[in-house]
Amino acid sequence: MIFIESRGGGFEVEIHYPQWRRVNKPIDRHNVLLDSLTKLVEACNDSSSSMDRWLSRLDSSNWITHIKDTLNCACLVAQCLDQAPNARVRQRL
């Protein structure tokens, strides 16, 4: 059995799940993602930026990193559910 969690607060007492394997994936909290999205939108709405400046702002927004981390976690969840239909997926808040 597999127990998947993303980063956050909360805690499951492992002694209650001795047969489970815990997998943690780093997905940032909502406020971090929202801040990153805001930076991306601001960069996209700035029509006076050069291509280099726009790419720099895109990179500093970390939006692509957040998307990559989210997709990696989604792939892991899909693989775990495919291999172990009784897997438990939980996001700790």
Protein backbone atom coordinates (compact mmCIF):
# COMPACT_ATOMS: atom_id res chain seq x y z
CA MET A 1 0.00 0.00 0.00
CA ILE A 2 1.18 3.52 -0.75
CA PHE A 3 0.50 6.74 1.10
CA ILE A 4 1.27 9.87 -0.94
CA GLU A 5 1.46 13.30 0.63
CA SER A 6 2.41 16.73 -0.60
CA ARG A 7 4.23 19.29 1.51
CA GLY A 8 2.29 21.07 4.21
CA GLY A 9 1.14 20.82 7.80
CA GLY A 10 -0.67 18.00 9.47
CA PHE A 11 0.59 14.58 10.34
CA GLU A 12 -0.58 10.99 10.13
CA VAL A 13 0.72 8.74 12.87
CA GLU A 14 2.65 6.07 10.97
CA ILE A 15 2.10 3.44 13.66
CA HIS A 16 -1.54 3.22 12.53
CA TYR A 17 -0.43 2.33 8.97
CA PRO A 18 2.41 -0.22 9.36
CA GLN A 19 1.82 -1.79 5.93
CA TRP A 20 1.87 1.53 4.07
CA ARG A 21 4.80 3.18 2.33
CA ARG A 22 4.82 6.97 2.60
CA VAL A 23 5.83 9.06 -0.43
CA ASN A 24 6.15 12.84 -0.10
CA LYS A 25 6.21 15.19 -3.09
CA PRO A 26 7.13 18.87 -2.83
CA ILE A 27 4.25 21.00 -4.08
CA ASP A 28 4.16 24.53 -2.76
CA ARG A 29 1.22 25.99 -0.90
CA HIS A 30 -1.56 27.92 -2.61
CA ASN A 31 -0.24 31.38 -1.64
CA VAL A 32 3.18 30.62 -3.16
CA LEU A 33 1.56 29.43 -6.40
CA LEU A 34 -0.69 32.48 -6.49
CA ASP A 35 2.29 34.83 -6.04
CA SER A 36 4.11 33.04 -8.85
CA LEU A 37 1.06 33.27 -11.12
CA THR A 38 0.73 36.98 -10.37
CA LYS A 39 4.35 37.54 -11.41
CA LEU A 40 3.73 35.58 -14.61
CA VAL A 41 0.60 37.60 -15.48
CA GLU A 42 2.42 40.87 -14.81
CA ALA A 43 5.23 39.80 -17.14
CA CYS A 44 2.75 38.80 -19.83
CA ASN A 45 0.87 42.09 -19.57
CA ASP A 46 4.03 44.22 -19.89
CA SER A 47 4.15 44.85 -23.62
CA SER A 48 7.14 47.19 -23.31
CA SER A 49 9.56 44.45 -22.17
CA SER A 50 12.22 43.13 -24.47
CA MET A 51 12.38 39.41 -25.11
CA ASP A 52 15.35 39.04 -22.74
CA ARG A 53 13.58 40.99 -19.99
CA TRP A 54 10.38 38.96 -20.48
CA LEU A 55 12.28 35.67 -20.28
CA SER A 56 14.05 36.88 -17.17
CA ARG A 57 10.72 37.76 -15.53
CA LEU A 58 9.28 34.40 -16.57
CA ASP A 59 12.24 32.63 -14.99
CA SER A 60 12.06 34.66 -11.77
CA SER A 61 8.32 33.93 -11.41
CA ASN A 62 9.16 30.22 -10.92
CA TRP A 63 5.89 29.39 -12.67
CA ILE A 64 7.43 26.74 -14.92
CA THR A 65 9.05 25.07 -11.91
CA HIS A 66 5.69 24.94 -10.12
CA ILE A 67 4.05 23.42 -13.20
CA LYS A 68 6.85 20.83 -13.50
CA ASP A 69 6.56 19.87 -9.81
CA THR A 70 2.78 19.57 -10.06
CA LEU A 71 2.94 17.41 -13.19
CA ASN A 72 5.63 15.19 -11.61
CA CYS A 73 3.42 14.68 -8.58
CA ALA A 74 0.39 13.95 -10.77
CA CYS A 75 2.40 11.33 -12.68
CA LEU A 76 3.51 9.69 -9.43
CA VAL A 77 -0.08 9.59 -8.18
CA ALA A 78 -1.24 8.04 -11.46
CA GLN A 79 1.52 5.42 -11.33
CA CYS A 80 0.77 4.56 -7.70
CA LEU A 81 -2.96 4.27 -8.33
CA ASP A 82 -2.28 2.09 -11.35
CA GLN A 83 -0.01 -0.24 -9.35
CA ALA A 84 -1.98 -0.15 -6.10
CA PRO A 85 -5.65 0.77 -6.52
CA ASN A 86 -6.01 0.94 -2.73
CA ALA A 87 -3.39 3.72 -2.45
CA ARG A 88 -4.32 6.68 -0.28
CA VAL A 89 -3.58 10.14 -1.66
CA ARG A 90 -3.66 13.08 0.71
CA GLN A 91 -2.55 16.69 0.55
CA ARG A 92 -1.46 17.96 3.92
CA LEU A 93 -2.66 21.50 4.48
